[in-house]
Amino acid sequence: KFLLTDDVDNTKVMALQLSNISTGTTRTLTVPNESGTLATQSYVQTTGQNSQGAKTISSSTPSGGSSGDIWYRI
Protein backbone atom coordinates (compact mmCIF):
# COMPACT_ATOMS: atom_id res chain seq x y z
CA LYS A 1 0.00 0.00 0.00
CA PHE A 2 1.38 3.40 -0.99
CA LEU A 3 -0.08 6.51 0.64
CA LEU A 4 0.67 10.20 0.20
CA THR A 5 -0.44 12.68 2.85
CA ASP A 6 -0.78 16.45 2.94
CA ASP A 7 2.18 18.23 4.56
CA VAL A 8 -0.10 20.20 6.92
CA ASP A 9 -3.27 18.10 7.36
CA ASN A 10 -2.36 14.40 7.57
CA THR A 11 -6.05 13.43 7.32
CA LYS A 12 -5.85 14.34 3.60
CA VAL A 13 -4.59 11.14 2.00
CA MET A 14 -4.12 9.84 -1.55
CA ALA A 15 -3.73 6.09 -2.06
CA LEU A 16 -2.60 4.29 -5.19
CA GLN A 17 -4.69 1.24 -6.16
CA LEU A 18 -2.93 -1.03 -8.65
CA SER A 19 -5.35 -3.95 -8.91
CA ASN A 20 -6.31 -3.18 -12.55
CA ILE A 21 -2.75 -3.85 -13.73
CA SER A 22 -2.33 -7.33 -15.24
CA THR A 23 -0.17 -9.80 -13.31
CA GLY A 24 3.50 -9.57 -14.26
CA THR A 25 3.04 -6.14 -15.87
CA THR A 26 4.90 -2.94 -15.01
CA ARG A 27 3.23 0.40 -15.68
CA THR A 28 5.32 3.58 -15.52
CA LEU A 29 3.97 7.04 -14.70
CA THR A 30 6.34 9.82 -15.70
CA VAL A 31 6.06 13.21 -14.06
CA PRO A 32 6.53 16.12 -16.49
CA ASN A 33 9.02 18.86 -15.65
CA GLU A 34 6.27 21.31 -14.69
CA SER A 35 3.72 21.92 -11.98
CA GLY A 36 0.08 21.13 -12.70
CA THR A 37 -3.09 19.42 -11.59
CA LEU A 38 -4.08 15.79 -12.04
CA ALA A 39 -7.71 15.44 -13.08
CA THR A 40 -9.87 12.43 -13.84
CA GLN A 41 -11.60 12.15 -17.19
CA SER A 42 -15.03 12.43 -15.54
CA TYR A 43 -13.97 15.64 -13.75
CA VAL A 44 -12.91 17.23 -17.03
CA GLN A 45 -16.10 16.11 -18.80
CA THR A 46 -18.50 17.31 -16.09
CA THR A 47 -16.78 20.60 -15.26
CA GLY A 48 -15.46 21.57 -18.66
CA GLN A 49 -12.06 22.17 -17.03
CA ASN A 50 -9.93 21.54 -20.10
CA SER A 51 -6.96 23.76 -20.89
CA GLN A 52 -7.17 22.79 -24.56
CA GLY A 53 -10.71 24.09 -24.99
CA ALA A 54 -13.48 22.45 -26.96
CA LYS A 55 -12.45 20.84 -30.24
CA THR A 56 -14.69 20.18 -33.22
CA ILE A 57 -13.45 18.10 -36.14
CA SER A 58 -14.22 19.72 -39.46
CA SER A 59 -16.68 17.94 -41.73
CA SER A 60 -14.53 18.86 -44.75
CA THR A 61 -12.62 16.23 -46.72
CA PRO A 62 -9.35 15.26 -45.02
CA SER A 63 -6.06 16.12 -46.70
CA GLY A 64 -3.16 13.68 -47.03
CA GLY A 65 0.15 14.32 -45.31
CA SER A 66 3.57 13.66 -46.81
CA SER A 67 4.15 10.39 -44.92
CA GLY A 68 0.69 8.84 -45.18
CA ASP A 69 -0.74 10.91 -42.33
CA ILE A 70 -4.26 12.22 -42.74
CA TRP A 71 -4.88 15.70 -41.35
CA TYR A 72 -8.17 17.10 -40.14
CA ARG A 73 -8.64 20.75 -39.33
CA ILE A 74 -10.06 21.19 -35.83
C-alpha atoms as a PDB file:
ATOM      1  CA  LYS A   1       0.000   0.000   0.000  1.00  0.00           C
ATOM      2  CA  PHE A   2       1.379   3.398  -0.991  1.00  0.00           C
ATOM      3  CA  LEU A   3      -0.076   6.511   0.642  1.00  0.00           C
ATOM      4  CA  LEU A   4       0.669  10.204   0.205  1.00  0.00           C
ATOM      5  CA  THR A   5      -0.437  12.684   2.854  1.00  0.00           C
ATOM      6  CA  ASP A   6      -0.775  16.448   2.938  1.00  0.00           C
ATOM      7  CA  ASP A   7       2.182  18.232   4.560  1.00  0.00           C
ATOM      8  CA  VAL A   8      -0.103  20.204   6.920  1.00  0.00           C
ATOM      9  CA  ASP A   9      -3.268  18.097   7.363  1.00  0.00           C
ATOM     10  CA  ASN A  10      -2.363  14.398   7.574  1.00  0.00           C
ATOM     11  CA  THR A  11      -6.049  13.426   7.320  1.00  0.00           C
ATOM     12  CA  LYS A  12      -5.847  14.336   3.603  1.00  0.00           C
ATOM     13  CA  VAL A  13      -4.586  11.138   2.003  1.00  0.00           C
ATOM     14  CA  MET A  14      -4.121   9.841  -1.545  1.00  0.00           C
ATOM     15  CA  ALA A  15      -3.727   6.094  -2.056  1.00  0.00           C
ATOM     16  CA  LEU A  16      -2.601   4.287  -5.194  1.00  0.00           C
ATOM     17  CA  GLN A  17      -4.686   1.240  -6.161  1.00  0.00           C
ATOM     18  CA  LEU A  18      -2.928  -1.027  -8.653  1.00  0.00           C
ATOM     19  CA  SER A  19      -5.354  -3.954  -8.913  1.00  0.00           C
ATOM     20  CA  ASN A  20      -6.311  -3.178 -12.554  1.00  0.00           C
ATOM     21  CA  ILE A  21      -2.754  -3.848 -13.733  1.00  0.00           C
ATOM     22  CA  SER A  22      -2.333  -7.326 -15.236  1.00  0.00           C
ATOM     23  CA  THR A  23      -0.173  -9.797 -13.309  1.00  0.00           C
ATOM     24  CA  GLY A  24       3.496  -9.575 -14.264  1.00  0.00           C
ATOM     25  CA  THR A  25       3.044  -6.144 -15.873  1.00  0.00           C
ATOM     26  CA  THR A  26       4.897  -2.943 -15.009  1.00  0.00           C
ATOM     27  CA  ARG A  27       3.226   0.404 -15.685  1.00  0.00           C
ATOM     28  CA  THR A  28       5.321   3.582 -15.525  1.00  0.00           C
ATOM     29  CA  LEU A  29       3.970   7.036 -14.703  1.00  0.00           C
ATOM     30  CA  THR A  30       6.343   9.817 -15.705  1.00  0.00           C
ATOM     31  CA  VAL A  31       6.064  13.214 -14.061  1.00  0.00           C
ATOM     32  CA  PRO A  32       6.527  16.125 -16.487  1.00  0.00           C
ATOM     33  CA  ASN A  33       9.023  18.863 -15.646  1.00  0.00           C
ATOM     34  CA  GLU A  34       6.272  21.312 -14.690  1.00  0.00           C
ATOM     35  CA  SER A  35       3.715  21.922 -11.985  1.00  0.00           C
ATOM     36  CA  GLY A  36       0.085  21.132 -12.698  1.00  0.00           C
ATOM     37  CA  THR A  37      -3.091  19.417 -11.587  1.00  0.00           C
ATOM     38  CA  LEU A  38      -4.082  15.787 -12.041  1.00  0.00           C
ATOM     39  CA  ALA A  39      -7.712  15.440 -13.076  1.00  0.00           C
ATOM     40  CA  THR A  40      -9.869  12.430 -13.837  1.00  0.00           C
ATOM     41  CA  GLN A  41     -11.596  12.146 -17.186  1.00  0.00           C
ATOM     42  CA  SER A  42     -15.027  12.433 -15.544  1.00  0.00           C
ATOM     43  CA  TYR A  43     -13.967  15.645 -13.752  1.00  0.00           C
ATOM     44  CA  VAL A  44     -12.908  17.231 -17.030  1.00  0.00           C
ATOM     45  CA  GLN A  45     -16.099  16.114 -18.803  1.00  0.00           C
ATOM     46  CA  THR A  46     -18.497  17.310 -16.092  1.00  0.00           C
ATOM     47  CA  THR A  47     -16.781  20.600 -15.258  1.00  0.00           C
ATOM     48  CA  GLY A  48     -15.459  21.570 -18.664  1.00  0.00           C
ATOM     49  CA  GLN A  49     -12.062  22.172 -17.030  1.00  0.00           C
ATOM     50  CA  ASN A  50      -9.929  21.542 -20.101  1.00  0.00           C
ATOM     51  CA  SER A  51      -6.962  23.756 -20.894  1.00  0.00           C
ATOM     52  CA  GLN A  52      -7.173  22.788 -24.555  1.00  0.00           C
ATOM     53  CA  GLY A  53     -10.714  24.092 -24.989  1.00  0.00           C
ATOM     54  CA  ALA A  54     -13.482  22.448 -26.959  1.00  0.00           C
ATOM     55  CA  LYS A  55     -12.455  20.845 -30.241  1.00  0.00           C
ATOM     56  CA  THR A  56     -14.687  20.184 -33.225  1.00  0.00           C
ATOM     57  CA  ILE A  57     -13.450  18.104 -36.136  1.00  0.00           C
ATOM     58  CA  SER A  58     -14.218  19.719 -39.458  1.00  0.00           C
ATOM     59  CA  SER A  59     -16.677  17.942 -41.735  1.00  0.00           C
ATOM     60  CA  SER A  60     -14.533  18.857 -44.749  1.00  0.00           C
ATOM     61  CA  THR A  61     -12.622  16.235 -46.723  1.00  0.00           C
ATOM     62  CA  PRO A  62      -9.349  15.261 -45.016  1.00  0.00           C
ATOM     63  CA  SER A  63      -6.057  16.122 -46.705  1.00  0.00           C
ATOM     64  CA  GLY A  64      -3.160  13.685 -47.029  1.00  0.00           C
ATOM     65  CA  GLY A  65       0.150  14.321 -45.313  1.00  0.00           C
ATOM     66  CA  SER A  66       3.566  13.664 -46.808  1.00  0.00           C
ATOM     67  CA  SER A  67       4.149  10.395 -44.915  1.00  0.00           C
ATOM     68  CA  GLY A  68       0.693   8.841 -45.181  1.00  0.00           C
ATOM     69  CA  ASP A  69      -0.739  10.908 -42.330  1.00  0.00           C
ATOM     70  CA  ILE A  70      -4.261  12.225 -42.736  1.00  0.00           C
ATOM     71  CA  TRP A  71      -4.879  15.699 -41.346  1.00  0.00           C
ATOM     72  CA  TYR A  72      -8.169  17.095 -40.135  1.00  0.00           C
ATOM     73  CA  ARG A  73      -8.640  20.749 -39.333  1.00  0.00           C
ATOM     74  CA  ILE A  74     -10.057  21.194 -35.829  1.00  0.00           C
END
